[in-house]
Amino acid sequence: TATLMDRFDFLYKAFYPILIITQTIPTIAIAPLLVLWMGFGMAPK
């Protein structure tokens, strides 16, 4: 991701704000959804 965003400026401008926004979402809120979508195995972890 970093290599592509450095190579293509439009990717950097498009996806850098999205990267920042993803860090505002609590991981403990995502975990139940991952378990629901992927089951109780190793994949959601």
PDB file of all heavy atoms in Angstrom:
ATOM      1  N   THR A   1       0.829  -1.218   0.000  1.00  0.00           N
ATOM      2  CA  THR A   1       0.000   0.000   0.000  1.00  0.00           C
ATOM      3  C   THR A   1       0.855   1.257   0.000  1.00  0.00           C
ATOM      4  O   THR A   1       0.605   2.195  -0.770  1.00  0.00           O
ATOM      5  CB  THR A   1      -0.928   0.008   1.235  1.00  0.00           C
ATOM      6  OG1 THR A   1      -1.726  -1.175   1.232  1.00  0.00           O
ATOM      7  CG2 THR A   1      -1.836   1.226   1.226  1.00  0.00           C
ATOM      8  N   ALA A   2       1.875   1.296   0.871  1.00  0.00           N
ATOM      9  CA  ALA A   2       2.740   2.476   0.954  1.00  0.00           C
ATOM     10  C   ALA A   2       3.503   2.700  -0.347  1.00  0.00           C
ATOM     11  O   ALA A   2       3.665   3.842  -0.796  1.00  0.00           O
ATOM     12  CB  ALA A   2       3.712   2.322   2.124  1.00  0.00           C
ATOM     13  N   THR A   3       3.947   1.614  -0.960  1.00  0.00           N
ATOM     14  CA  THR A   3       4.685   1.730  -2.222  1.00  0.00           C
ATOM     15  C   THR A   3       3.796   2.285  -3.337  1.00  0.00           C
ATOM     16  O   THR A   3       4.202   3.180  -4.095  1.00  0.00           O
ATOM     17  CB  THR A   3       5.243   0.355  -2.647  1.00  0.00           C
ATOM     18  OG1 THR A   3       6.066  -0.162  -1.599  1.00  0.00           O
ATOM     19  CG2 THR A   3       6.072   0.475  -3.914  1.00  0.00           C
ATOM     20  N   LEU A   4       2.572   1.767  -3.444  1.00  0.00           N
ATOM     21  CA  LEU A   4       1.641   2.243  -4.471  1.00  0.00           C
ATOM     22  C   LEU A   4       1.218   3.694  -4.223  1.00  0.00           C
ATOM     23  O   LEU A   4       1.115   4.496  -5.165  1.00  0.00           O
ATOM     24  CB  LEU A   4       0.404   1.342  -4.511  1.00  0.00           C
ATOM     25  CG  LEU A   4       0.622  -0.075  -5.065  1.00  0.00           C
ATOM     26  CD1 LEU A   4      -0.648  -0.906  -4.907  1.00  0.00           C
ATOM     27  CD2 LEU A   4       1.050  -0.022  -6.530  1.00  0.00           C
ATOM     28  N   MET A   5       0.984   4.041  -2.952  1.00  0.00           N
ATOM     29  CA  MET A   5       0.583   5.409  -2.629  1.00  0.00           C
ATOM     30  C   MET A   5       1.715   6.394  -2.872  1.00  0.00           C
ATOM     31  O   MET A   5       1.482   7.555  -3.207  1.00  0.00           O
ATOM     32  CB  MET A   5       0.097   5.479  -1.177  1.00  0.00           C
ATOM     33  CG  MET A   5      -1.255   4.816  -0.953  1.00  0.00           C
ATOM     34  SD  MET A   5      -1.746   4.748   0.779  1.00  0.00           S
ATOM     35  CE  MET A   5      -2.021   6.486   1.121  1.00  0.00           C
ATOM     36  N   ASP A   6       2.941   5.939  -2.704  1.00  0.00           N
ATOM     37  CA  ASP A   6       4.090   6.803  -2.996  1.00  0.00           C
ATOM     38  C   ASP A   6       4.302   6.949  -4.503  1.00  0.00           C
ATOM     39  O   ASP A   6       4.673   8.020  -4.979  1.00  0.00           O
ATOM     40  CB  ASP A   6       5.347   6.220  -2.347  1.00  0.00           C
ATOM     41  CG  ASP A   6       6.592   7.019  -2.674  1.00  0.00           C
ATOM     42  OD1 ASP A   6       6.700   8.168  -2.193  1.00  0.00           O
ATOM     43  OD2 ASP A   6       7.447   6.504  -3.422  1.00  0.00           O
ATOM     44  N   ARG A   7       4.030   5.866  -5.215  1.00  0.00           N
ATOM     45  CA  ARG A   7       4.236   5.883  -6.674  1.00  0.00           C
ATOM     46  C   ARG A   7       3.172   6.701  -7.389  1.00  0.00           C
ATOM     47  O   ARG A   7       3.461   7.476  -8.319  1.00  0.00           O
ATOM     48  CB  ARG A   7       4.249   4.430  -7.192  1.00  0.00           C
ATOM     49  CG  ARG A   7       4.259   4.283  -8.710  1.00  0.00           C
ATOM     50  CD  ARG A   7       5.552   4.806  -9.314  1.00  0.00           C
ATOM     51  NE  ARG A   7       5.523   4.672 -10.763  1.00  0.00           N
ATOM     52  CZ  ARG A   7       4.953   5.532 -11.611  1.00  0.00           C
ATOM     53  NH1 ARG A   7       4.348   6.615 -11.142  1.00  0.00           N
ATOM     54  NH2 ARG A   7       4.992   5.334 -12.906  1.00  0.00           N
ATOM     55  N   PHE A   8       1.920   6.540  -6.960  1.00  0.00           N
ATOM     56  CA  PHE A   8       0.812   7.218  -7.629  1.00  0.00           C
ATOM     57  C   PHE A   8       0.204   8.247  -6.682  1.00  0.00           C
ATOM     58  O   PHE A   8      -0.397   7.879  -5.669  1.00  0.00           O
ATOM     59  CB  PHE A   8      -0.255   6.206  -8.065  1.00  0.00           C
ATOM     60  CG  PHE A   8       0.274   5.144  -8.998  1.00  0.00           C
ATOM     61  CD1 PHE A   8       0.530   3.870  -8.522  1.00  0.00           C
ATOM     62  CD2 PHE A   8       0.524   5.433 -10.332  1.00  0.00           C
ATOM     63  CE1 PHE A   8       1.008   2.882  -9.373  1.00  0.00           C
ATOM     64  CE2 PHE A   8       1.011   4.456 -11.187  1.00  0.00           C
ATOM     65  CZ  PHE A   8       1.267   3.171 -10.711  1.00  0.00           C
ATOM     66  N   ASP A   9       0.352   9.507  -7.054  1.00  0.00           N
ATOM     67  CA  ASP A   9      -0.094  10.594  -6.181  1.00  0.00           C
ATOM     68  C   ASP A   9      -1.608  10.592  -5.970  1.00  0.00           C
ATOM     69  O   ASP A   9      -2.091  10.921  -4.893  1.00  0.00           O
ATOM     70  CB  ASP A   9       0.351  11.938  -6.772  1.00  0.00           C
ATOM     71  CG  ASP A   9       0.191  13.079  -5.774  1.00  0.00           C
ATOM     72  OD1 ASP A   9       0.700  12.947  -4.646  1.00  0.00           O
ATOM     73  OD2 ASP A   9      -0.454  14.077  -6.119  1.00  0.00           O
ATOM     74  N   PHE A  10      -2.366  10.198  -6.998  1.00  0.00           N
ATOM     75  CA  PHE A  10      -3.829  10.193  -6.851  1.00  0.00           C
ATOM     76  C   PHE A  10      -4.280   9.136  -5.838  1.00  0.00           C
ATOM     77  O   PHE A  10      -5.282   9.312  -5.146  1.00  0.00           O
ATOM     78  CB  PHE A  10      -4.508   9.977  -8.206  1.00  0.00           C
ATOM     79  CG  PHE A  10      -4.421   8.579  -8.745  1.00  0.00           C
ATOM     80  CD1 PHE A  10      -5.424   7.655  -8.489  1.00  0.00           C
ATOM     81  CD2 PHE A  10      -3.339   8.189  -9.521  1.00  0.00           C
ATOM     82  CE1 PHE A  10      -5.350   6.369  -8.987  1.00  0.00           C
ATOM     83  CE2 PHE A  10      -3.263   6.905 -10.019  1.00  0.00           C
ATOM     84  CZ  PHE A  10      -4.260   5.988  -9.754  1.00  0.00           C
ATOM     85  N   LEU A  11      -3.530   8.020  -5.748  1.00  0.00           N
ATOM     86  CA  LEU A  11      -3.838   7.003  -4.737  1.00  0.00           C
ATOM     87  C   LEU A  11      -3.549   7.531  -3.333  1.00  0.00           C
ATOM     88  O   LEU A  11      -4.307   7.259  -2.390  1.00  0.00           O
ATOM     89  CB  LEU A  11      -3.022   5.733  -4.991  1.00  0.00           C
ATOM     90  CG  LEU A  11      -3.428   4.853  -6.166  1.00  0.00           C
ATOM     91  CD1 LEU A  11      -2.497   3.656  -6.272  1.00  0.00           C
ATOM     92  CD2 LEU A  11      -4.866   4.378  -6.007  1.00  0.00           C
ATOM     93  N   TYR A  12      -2.460   8.293  -3.215  1.00  0.00           N
ATOM     94  CA  TYR A  12      -2.115   8.884  -1.924  1.00  0.00           C
ATOM     95  C   TYR A  12      -3.217   9.846  -1.466  1.00  0.00           C
ATOM     96  O   TYR A  12      -3.672   9.793  -0.319  1.00  0.00           O
ATOM     97  CB  TYR A  12      -0.777   9.619  -2.030  1.00  0.00           C
ATOM     98  CG  TYR A  12      -0.363  10.310  -0.761  1.00  0.00           C
ATOM     99  CD1 TYR A  12       0.273   9.615   0.267  1.00  0.00           C
ATOM    100  CD2 TYR A  12      -0.610  11.675  -0.570  1.00  0.00           C
ATOM    101  CE1 TYR A  12       0.658  10.245   1.437  1.00  0.00           C
ATOM    102  CE2 TYR A  12      -0.237  12.310   0.592  1.00  0.00           C
ATOM    103  CZ  TYR A  12       0.401  11.596   1.588  1.00  0.00           C
ATOM    104  OH  TYR A  12       0.763  12.234   2.753  1.00  0.00           O
ATOM    105  N   LYS A  13      -3.656  10.709  -2.383  1.00  0.00           N
ATOM    106  CA  LYS A  13      -4.690  11.686  -2.024  1.00  0.00           C
ATOM    107  C   LYS A  13      -6.040  11.018  -1.733  1.00  0.00           C
ATOM    108  O   LYS A  13      -6.797  11.478  -0.883  1.00  0.00           O
ATOM    109  CB  LYS A  13      -4.856  12.704  -3.155  1.00  0.00           C
ATOM    110  CG  LYS A  13      -3.659  13.628  -3.316  1.00  0.00           C
ATOM    111  CD  LYS A  13      -3.849  14.565  -4.499  1.00  0.00           C
ATOM    112  CE  LYS A  13      -2.644  15.487  -4.660  1.00  0.00           C
ATOM    113  NZ  LYS A  13      -2.792  16.392  -5.838  1.00  0.00           N
ATOM    114  N   ALA A  14      -6.304   9.907  -2.418  1.00  0.00           N
ATOM    115  CA  ALA A  14      -7.594   9.237  -2.261  1.00  0.00           C
ATOM    116  C   ALA A  14      -7.657   8.388  -0.995  1.00  0.00           C
ATOM    117  O   ALA A  14      -8.673   8.389  -0.281  1.00  0.00           O
ATOM    118  CB  ALA A  14      -7.874   8.369  -3.490  1.00  0.00           C
ATOM    119  N   PHE A  15      -6.568   7.674  -0.700  1.00  0.00           N
ATOM    120  CA  PHE A  15      -6.629   6.665   0.356  1.00  0.00           C
ATOM    121  C   PHE A  15      -6.018   7.091   1.690  1.00  0.00           C
ATOM    122  O   PHE A  15      -6.304   6.468   2.714  1.00  0.00           O
ATOM    123  CB  PHE A  15      -5.940   5.369  -0.115  1.00  0.00           C
ATOM    124  CG  PHE A  15      -6.746   4.624  -1.132  1.00  0.00           C
ATOM    125  CD1 PHE A  15      -6.403   4.673  -2.473  1.00  0.00           C
ATOM    126  CD2 PHE A  15      -7.853   3.883  -0.759  1.00  0.00           C
ATOM    127  CE1 PHE A  15      -7.135   3.998  -3.422  1.00  0.00           C
ATOM    128  CE2 PHE A  15      -8.602   3.199  -1.694  1.00  0.00           C
ATOM    129  CZ  PHE A  15      -8.250   3.258  -3.033  1.00  0.00           C
ATOM    130  N   TYR A  16      -5.186   8.134   1.697  1.00  0.00           N
ATOM    131  CA  TYR A  16      -4.588   8.552   2.978  1.00  0.00           C
ATOM    132  C   TYR A  16      -5.652   8.986   3.987  1.00  0.00           C
ATOM    133  O   TYR A  16      -5.600   8.577   5.149  1.00  0.00           O
ATOM    134  CB  TYR A  16      -3.570   9.674   2.749  1.00  0.00           C
ATOM    135  CG  TYR A  16      -2.779  10.007   3.996  1.00  0.00           C
ATOM    136  CD1 TYR A  16      -1.691   9.232   4.378  1.00  0.00           C
ATOM    137  CD2 TYR A  16      -3.123  11.095   4.798  1.00  0.00           C
ATOM    138  CE1 TYR A  16      -0.965   9.526   5.522  1.00  0.00           C
ATOM    139  CE2 TYR A  16      -2.415  11.395   5.941  1.00  0.00           C
ATOM    140  CZ  TYR A  16      -1.338  10.609   6.299  1.00  0.00           C
ATOM    141  OH  TYR A  16      -0.626  10.886   7.445  1.00  0.00           O
ATOM    142  N   PRO A  17      -6.652   9.799   3.593  1.00  0.00           N
ATOM    143  CA  PRO A  17      -7.706  10.136   4.565  1.00  0.00           C
ATOM    144  C   PRO A  17      -8.472   8.907   5.053  1.00  0.00           C
ATOM    145  O   PRO A  17      -8.885   8.846   6.218  1.00  0.00           O
ATOM    146  CB  PRO A  17      -8.628  11.076   3.783  1.00  0.00           C
ATOM    147  CG  PRO A  17      -7.783  11.611   2.680  1.00  0.00           C
ATOM    148  CD  PRO A  17      -6.856  10.510   2.321  1.00  0.00           C
ATOM    149  N   ILE A  18      -8.651   7.907   4.164  1.00  0.00           N
ATOM    150  CA  ILE A  18      -9.359   6.682   4.557  1.00  0.00           C
ATOM    151  C   ILE A  18      -8.554   5.921   5.604  1.00  0.00           C
ATOM    152  O   ILE A  18      -9.117   5.362   6.566  1.00  0.00           O
ATOM    153  CB  ILE A  18      -9.642   5.802   3.324  1.00  0.00           C
ATOM    154  CG1 ILE A  18     -10.583   6.542   2.365  1.00  0.00           C
ATOM    155  CG2 ILE A  18     -10.235   4.458   3.735  1.00  0.00           C
ATOM    156  CD1 ILE A  18     -10.801   5.835   1.050  1.00  0.00           C
ATOM    157  N   LEU A  19      -7.228   5.885   5.434  1.00  0.00           N
ATOM    158  CA  LEU A  19      -6.363   5.223   6.423  1.00  0.00           C
ATOM    159  C   LEU A  19      -6.520   5.879   7.794  1.00  0.00           C
ATOM    160  O   LEU A  19      -6.574   5.188   8.824  1.00  0.00           O
ATOM    161  CB  LEU A  19      -4.897   5.291   5.982  1.00  0.00           C
ATOM    162  CG  LEU A  19      -4.467   4.395   4.827  1.00  0.00           C
ATOM    163  CD1 LEU A  19      -2.993   4.630   4.523  1.00  0.00           C
ATOM    164  CD2 LEU A  19      -4.712   2.943   5.150  1.00  0.00           C
ATOM    165  N   ILE A  20      -6.587   7.197   7.801  1.00  0.00           N
ATOM    166  CA  ILE A  20      -6.747   7.915   9.072  1.00  0.00           C
ATOM    167  C   ILE A  20      -8.102   7.602   9.701  1.00  0.00           C
ATOM    168  O   ILE A  20      -8.205   7.353  10.910  1.00  0.00           O
ATOM    169  CB  ILE A  20      -6.602   9.445   8.850  1.00  0.00           C
ATOM    170  CG1 ILE A  20      -5.227   9.788   8.255  1.00  0.00           C
ATOM    171  CG2 ILE A  20      -6.827  10.192  10.157  1.00  0.00           C
ATOM    172  CD1 ILE A  20      -4.054   9.429   9.113  1.00  0.00           C
ATOM    173  N   ILE A  21      -9.147   7.585   8.871  1.00  0.00           N
ATOM    174  CA  ILE A  21     -10.505   7.325   9.376  1.00  0.00           C
ATOM    175  C   ILE A  21     -10.605   5.927   9.981  1.00  0.00           C
ATOM    176  O   ILE A  21     -11.281   5.730  11.000  1.00  0.00           O
ATOM    177  CB  ILE A  21     -11.546   7.507   8.244  1.00  0.00           C
ATOM    178  CG1 ILE A  21     -11.638   8.995   7.860  1.00  0.00           C
ATOM    179  CG2 ILE A  21     -12.919   6.996   8.660  1.00  0.00           C
ATOM    180  CD1 ILE A  21     -12.428   9.253   6.599  1.00  0.00           C
ATOM    181  N   THR A  22      -9.930   4.947   9.374  1.00  0.00           N
ATOM    182  CA  THR A  22     -10.005   3.576   9.897  1.00  0.00           C
ATOM    183  C   THR A  22      -9.483   3.474  11.321  1.00  0.00           C
ATOM    184  O   THR A  22      -9.899   2.589  12.081  1.00  0.00           O
ATOM    185  CB  THR A  22      -9.210   2.605   9.011  1.00  0.00           C
ATOM    186  OG1 THR A  22      -7.829   3.030   8.951  1.00  0.00           O
ATOM    187  CG2 THR A  22      -9.773   2.533   7.616  1.00  0.00           C
ATOM    188  N   GLN A  23      -8.592   4.386  11.704  1.00  0.00           N
ATOM    189  CA  GLN A  23      -8.024   4.332  13.057  1.00  0.00           C
ATOM    190  C   GLN A  23      -8.944   4.939  14.109  1.00  0.00           C
ATOM    191  O   GLN A  23      -8.666   4.854  15.301  1.00  0.00           O
ATOM    192  CB  GLN A  23      -6.663   5.052  13.079  1.00  0.00           C
ATOM    193  CG  GLN A  23      -5.623   4.403  12.210  1.00  0.00           C
ATOM    194  CD  GLN A  23      -5.480   2.922  12.470  1.00  0.00           C
ATOM    195  OE1 GLN A  23      -5.072   2.520  13.551  1.00  0.00           O
ATOM    196  NE2 GLN A  23      -5.831   2.095  11.487  1.00  0.00           N
ATOM    197  N   THR A  24     -10.023   5.565  13.679  1.00  0.00           N
ATOM    198  CA  THR A  24     -10.989   6.123  14.629  1.00  0.00           C
ATOM    199  C   THR A  24     -12.041   5.088  15.033  1.00  0.00           C
ATOM    200  O   THR A  24     -12.835   5.330  15.941  1.00  0.00           O
ATOM    201  CB  THR A  24     -11.701   7.349  14.022  1.00  0.00           C
ATOM    202  OG1 THR A  24     -12.469   6.941  12.881  1.00  0.00           O
ATOM    203  CG2 THR A  24     -10.688   8.406  13.601  1.00  0.00           C
ATOM    204  N   ILE A  25     -12.054   3.938  14.349  1.00  0.00           N
ATOM    205  CA  ILE A  25     -13.017   2.879  14.651  1.00  0.00           C
ATOM    206  C   ILE A  25     -12.425   1.962  15.715  1.00  0.00           C
ATOM    207  O   ILE A  25     -11.345   1.398  15.503  1.00  0.00           O
ATOM    208  CB  ILE A  25     -13.366   2.063  13.390  1.00  0.00           C
ATOM    209  CG1 ILE A  25     -13.896   2.985  12.292  1.00  0.00           C
ATOM    210  CG2 ILE A  25     -14.377   0.971  13.722  1.00  0.00           C
ATOM    211  CD1 ILE A  25     -14.048   2.299  10.951  1.00  0.00           C
ATOM    212  N   PRO A  26     -13.064   1.790  16.867  1.00  0.00           N
ATOM    213  CA  PRO A  26     -12.517   0.911  17.920  1.00  0.00           C
ATOM    214  C   PRO A  26     -12.435  -0.537  17.442  1.00  0.00           C
ATOM    215  O   PRO A  26     -13.392  -1.063  16.868  1.00  0.00           O
ATOM    216  CB  PRO A  26     -13.528   1.054  19.067  1.00  0.00           C
ATOM    217  CG  PRO A  26     -14.330   2.266  18.753  1.00  0.00           C
ATOM    218  CD  PRO A  26     -14.334   2.409  17.262  1.00  0.00           C
ATOM    219  N   THR A  27     -11.301  -1.178  17.681  1.00  0.00           N
ATOM    220  CA  THR A  27     -11.123  -2.565  17.249  1.00  0.00           C
ATOM    221  C   THR A  27     -12.084  -3.508  17.955  1.00  0.00           C
ATOM    222  O   THR A  27     -12.512  -4.512  17.381  1.00  0.00           O
ATOM    223  CB  THR A  27      -9.682  -3.026  17.518  1.00  0.00           C
ATOM    224  OG1 THR A  27      -9.351  -2.780  18.889  1.00  0.00           O
ATOM    225  CG2 THR A  27      -8.696  -2.291  16.633  1.00  0.00           C
ATOM    226  N   ILE A  28     -12.434  -3.173  19.192  1.00  0.00           N
ATOM    227  CA  ILE A  28     -13.347  -4.042  19.949  1.00  0.00           C
ATOM    228  C   ILE A  28     -14.759  -4.019  19.344  1.00  0.00           C
ATOM    229  O   ILE A  28     -15.568  -4.916  19.569  1.00  0.00           O
ATOM    230  CB  ILE A  28     -13.381  -3.632  21.438  1.00  0.00           C
ATOM    231  CG1 ILE A  28     -13.933  -4.783  22.282  1.00  0.00           C
ATOM    232  CG2 ILE A  28     -14.187  -2.350  21.645  1.00  0.00           C
ATOM    233  CD1 ILE A  28     -13.632  -4.664  23.746  1.00  0.00           C
ATOM    234  N   ALA A  29     -15.054  -2.968  18.555  1.00  0.00           N
ATOM    235  CA  ALA A  29     -16.343  -2.906  17.859  1.00  0.00           C
ATOM    236  C   ALA A  29     -16.316  -3.717  16.568  1.00  0.00           C
ATOM    237  O   ALA A  29     -17.359  -4.198  16.101  1.00  0.00           O
ATOM    238  CB  ALA A  29     -16.691  -1.451  17.545  1.00  0.00           C
ATOM    239  N   ILE A  30     -15.131  -3.867  15.976  1.00  0.00           N
ATOM    240  CA  ILE A  30     -14.997  -4.632  14.731  1.00  0.00           C
ATOM    241  C   ILE A  30     -14.986  -6.129  15.005  1.00  0.00           C
ATOM    242  O   ILE A  30     -15.519  -6.916  14.218  1.00  0.00           O
ATOM    243  CB  ILE A  30     -13.705  -4.226  13.992  1.00  0.00           C
ATOM    244  CG1 ILE A  30     -13.714  -2.736  13.657  1.00  0.00           C
ATOM    245  CG2 ILE A  30     -13.523  -5.038  12.718  1.00  0.00           C
ATOM    246  CD1 ILE A  30     -12.412  -2.237  13.100  1.00  0.00           C
ATOM    247  N   ALA A  31     -14.384  -6.533  16.132  1.00  0.00           N
ATOM    248  CA  ALA A  31     -14.190  -7.956  16.424  1.00  0.00           C
ATOM    249  C   ALA A  31     -15.466  -8.793  16.361  1.00  0.00           C
ATOM    250  O   ALA A  31     -15.457  -9.865  15.737  1.00  0.00           O
ATOM    251  CB  ALA A  31     -13.512  -8.101  17.789  1.00  0.00           C
ATOM    252  N   PRO A  32     -16.590  -8.355  16.968  1.00  0.00           N
ATOM    253  CA  PRO A  32     -17.804  -9.178  16.875  1.00  0.00           C
ATOM    254  C   PRO A  32     -18.295  -9.369  15.439  1.00  0.00           C
ATOM    255  O   PRO A  32     -18.809 -10.431  15.084  1.00  0.00           O
ATOM    256  CB  PRO A  32     -18.830  -8.386  17.702  1.00  0.00           C
ATOM    257  CG  PRO A  32     -18.045  -7.490  18.565  1.00  0.00           C
ATOM    258  CD  PRO A  32     -16.819  -7.168  17.798  1.00  0.00           C
ATOM    259  N   LEU A  33     -18.119  -8.340  14.605  1.00  0.00           N
ATOM    260  CA  LEU A  33     -18.525  -8.443  13.201  1.00  0.00           C
ATOM    261  C   LEU A  33     -17.666  -9.460  12.462  1.00  0.00           C
ATOM    262  O   LEU A  33     -18.171 -10.246  11.649  1.00  0.00           O
ATOM    263  CB  LEU A  33     -18.413  -7.077  12.523  1.00  0.00           C
ATOM    264  CG  LEU A  33     -19.375  -5.988  13.008  1.00  0.00           C
ATOM    265  CD1 LEU A  33     -19.049  -4.659  12.334  1.00  0.00           C
ATOM    266  CD2 LEU A  33     -20.819  -6.388  12.721  1.00  0.00           C
ATOM    267  N   LEU A  34     -16.369  -9.459  12.751  1.00  0.00           N
ATOM    268  CA  LEU A  34     -15.467 -10.415  12.104  1.00  0.00           C
ATOM    269  C   LEU A  34     -15.816 -11.846  12.497  1.00  0.00           C
ATOM    270  O   LEU A  34     -15.767 -12.758  11.669  1.00  0.00           O
ATOM    271  CB  LEU A  34     -14.009 -10.096  12.478  1.00  0.00           C
ATOM    272  CG  LEU A  34     -13.446  -8.763  11.968  1.00  0.00           C
ATOM    273  CD1 LEU A  34     -12.049  -8.536  12.498  1.00  0.00           C
ATOM    274  CD2 LEU A  34     -13.452  -8.724  10.444  1.00  0.00           C
ATOM    275  N   VAL A  35     -16.156 -12.029  13.777  1.00  0.00           N
ATOM    276  CA  VAL A  35     -16.568 -13.360  14.248  1.00  0.00           C
ATOM    277  C   VAL A  35     -17.858 -13.785  13.553  1.00  0.00           C
ATOM    278  O   VAL A  35     -18.013 -14.945  13.145  1.00  0.00           O
ATOM    279  CB  VAL A  35     -16.745 -13.364  15.782  1.00  0.00           C
ATOM    280  CG1 VAL A  35     -17.361 -14.680  16.255  1.00  0.00           C
ATOM    281  CG2 VAL A  35     -15.404 -13.144  16.475  1.00  0.00           C
ATOM    282  N   LEU A  36     -18.777 -12.845  13.391  1.00  0.00           N
ATOM    283  CA  LEU A  36     -20.057 -13.129  12.730  1.00  0.00           C
ATOM    284  C   LEU A  36     -19.845 -13.512  11.267  1.00  0.00           C
ATOM    285  O   LEU A  36     -20.488 -14.435  10.748  1.00  0.00           O
ATOM    286  CB  LEU A  36     -20.974 -11.907  12.832  1.00  0.00           C
ATOM    287  CG  LEU A  36     -22.367 -12.015  12.203  1.00  0.00           C
ATOM    288  CD1 LEU A  36     -23.206 -13.055  12.936  1.00  0.00           C
ATOM    289  CD2 LEU A  36     -23.073 -10.654  12.220  1.00  0.00           C
ATOM    290  N   TRP A  37     -18.933 -12.816  10.592  1.00  0.00           N
ATOM    291  CA  TRP A  37     -18.697 -13.055   9.172  1.00  0.00           C
ATOM    292  C   TRP A  37     -17.813 -14.278   8.912  1.00  0.00           C
ATOM    293  O   TRP A  37     -18.010 -14.993   7.935  1.00  0.00           O
ATOM    294  CB  TRP A  37     -18.035 -11.829   8.537  1.00  0.00           C
ATOM    295  CG  TRP A  37     -18.908 -10.609   8.531  1.00  0.00           C
ATOM    296  CD1 TRP A  37     -20.279 -10.567   8.560  1.00  0.00           C
ATOM    297  CD2 TRP A  37     -18.469  -9.246   8.494  1.00  0.00           C
ATOM    298  NE1 TRP A  37     -20.719  -9.272   8.547  1.00  0.00           N
ATOM    299  CE2 TRP A  37     -19.626  -8.418   8.506  1.00  0.00           C
ATOM    300  CE3 TRP A  37     -17.226  -8.613   8.463  1.00  0.00           C
ATOM    301  CZ2 TRP A  37     -19.566  -7.038   8.480  1.00  0.00           C
ATOM    302  CZ3 TRP A  37     -17.153  -7.236   8.429  1.00  0.00           C
ATOM    303  CH2 TRP A  37     -18.322  -6.462   8.439  1.00  0.00           C
ATOM    304  N   MET A  38     -16.826 -14.513   9.778  1.00  0.00           N
ATOM    305  CA  MET A  38     -15.803 -15.536   9.510  1.00  0.00           C
ATOM    306  C   MET A  38     -15.864 -16.745  10.435  1.00  0.00           C
ATOM    307  O   MET A  38     -15.109 -17.695  10.253  1.00  0.00           O
ATOM    308  CB  MET A  38     -14.403 -14.898   9.613  1.00  0.00           C
ATOM    309  CG  MET A  38     -14.151 -13.785   8.639  1.00  0.00           C
ATOM    310  SD  MET A  38     -12.486 -13.118   8.818  1.00  0.00           S
ATOM    311  CE  MET A  38     -12.510 -11.818   7.592  1.00  0.00           C
ATOM    312  N   GLY A  39     -16.718 -16.704  11.448  1.00  0.00           N
ATOM    313  CA  GLY A  39     -16.814 -17.840  12.354  1.00  0.00           C
ATOM    314  C   GLY A  39     -15.890 -17.713  13.550  1.00  0.00           C
ATOM    315  O   GLY A  39     -15.316 -16.652  13.812  1.00  0.00           O
ATOM    316  N   PHE A  40     -15.739 -18.828  14.287  1.00  0.00           N
ATOM    317  CA  PHE A  40     -14.979 -18.826  15.529  1.00  0.00           C
ATOM    318  C   PHE A  40     -13.559 -19.372  15.373  1.00  0.00           C
ATOM    319  O   PHE A  40     -12.888 -19.643  16.362  1.00  0.00           O
ATOM    320  CB  PHE A  40     -15.722 -19.648  16.591  1.00  0.00           C
ATOM    321  CG  PHE A  40     -17.017 -19.026  17.030  1.00  0.00           C
ATOM    322  CD1 PHE A  40     -18.212 -19.379  16.430  1.00  0.00           C
ATOM    323  CD2 PHE A  40     -17.038 -18.070  18.027  1.00  0.00           C
ATOM    324  CE1 PHE A  40     -19.411 -18.798  16.817  1.00  0.00           C
ATOM    325  CE2 PHE A  40     -18.229 -17.483  18.428  1.00  0.00           C
ATOM    326  CZ  PHE A  40     -19.424 -17.843  17.821  1.00  0.00           C
ATOM    327  N   GLY A  41     -13.126 -19.557  14.156  1.00  0.00           N
ATOM    328  CA  GLY A  41     -11.788 -20.090  13.911  1.00  0.00           C
ATOM    329  C   GLY A  41     -10.704 -19.024  14.040  1.00  0.00           C
ATOM    330  O   GLY A  41     -10.880 -17.987  14.689  1.00  0.00           O
ATOM    331  N   MET A  42      -9.583 -19.273  13.364  1.00  0.00           N
ATOM    332  CA  MET A  42      -8.433 -18.382  13.459  1.00  0.00           C
ATOM    333  C   MET A  42      -8.543 -17.175  12.520  1.00  0.00           C
ATOM    334  O   MET A  42      -7.915 -16.137  12.766  1.00  0.00           O
ATOM    335  CB  MET A  42      -7.153 -19.170  13.149  1.00  0.00           C
ATOM    336  CG  MET A  42      -5.881 -18.477  13.558  1.00  0.00           C
ATOM    337  SD  MET A  42      -4.406 -19.504  13.308  1.00  0.00           S
ATOM    338  CE  MET A  42      -4.554 -20.613  14.703  1.00  0.00           C
ATOM    339  N   ALA A  43      -9.355 -17.291  11.486  1.00  0.00           N
ATOM    340  CA  ALA A  43      -9.437 -16.236  10.459  1.00  0.00           C
ATOM    341  C   ALA A  43      -9.815 -14.862  11.011  1.00  0.00           C
ATOM    342  O   ALA A  43      -9.142 -13.863  10.694  1.00  0.00           O
ATOM    343  CB  ALA A  43     -10.416 -16.652   9.363  1.00  0.00           C
ATOM    344  N   PRO A  44     -10.874 -14.729  11.855  1.00  0.00           N
ATOM    345  CA  PRO A  44     -11.211 -13.389  12.358  1.00  0.00           C
ATOM    346  C   PRO A  44     -10.133 -12.805  13.270  1.00  0.00           C
ATOM    347  O   PRO A  44      -9.936 -11.590  13.301  1.00  0.00           O
ATOM    348  CB  PRO A  44     -12.522 -13.610  13.121  1.00  0.00           C
ATOM    349  CG  PRO A  44     -12.562 -15.055  13.433  1.00  0.00           C
ATOM    350  CD  PRO A  44     -11.853 -15.728  12.310  1.00  0.00           C
ATOM    351  N   LYS A  45      -9.429 -13.672  14.007  1.00  0.00           N
ATOM    352  CA  LYS A  45      -8.351 -13.192  14.887  1.00  0.00           C
ATOM    353  C   LYS A  45      -7.207 -12.613  14.064  1.00  0.00           C
ATOM    354  O   LYS A  45      -6.694 -11.522  14.342  1.00  0.00           O
ATOM    355  CB  LYS A  45      -7.812 -14.324  15.771  1.00  0.00           C
ATOM    356  CG  LYS A  45      -8.692 -14.715  16.940  1.00  0.00           C
ATOM    357  CD  LYS A  45      -9.816 -15.598  16.524  1.00  0.00           C
ATOM    358  CE  LYS A  45     -10.548 -16.199  17.712  1.00  0.00           C
ATOM    359  NZ  LYS A  45     -11.723 -16.974  17.314  1.00  0.00           N
TER     360      LYS A  45
END
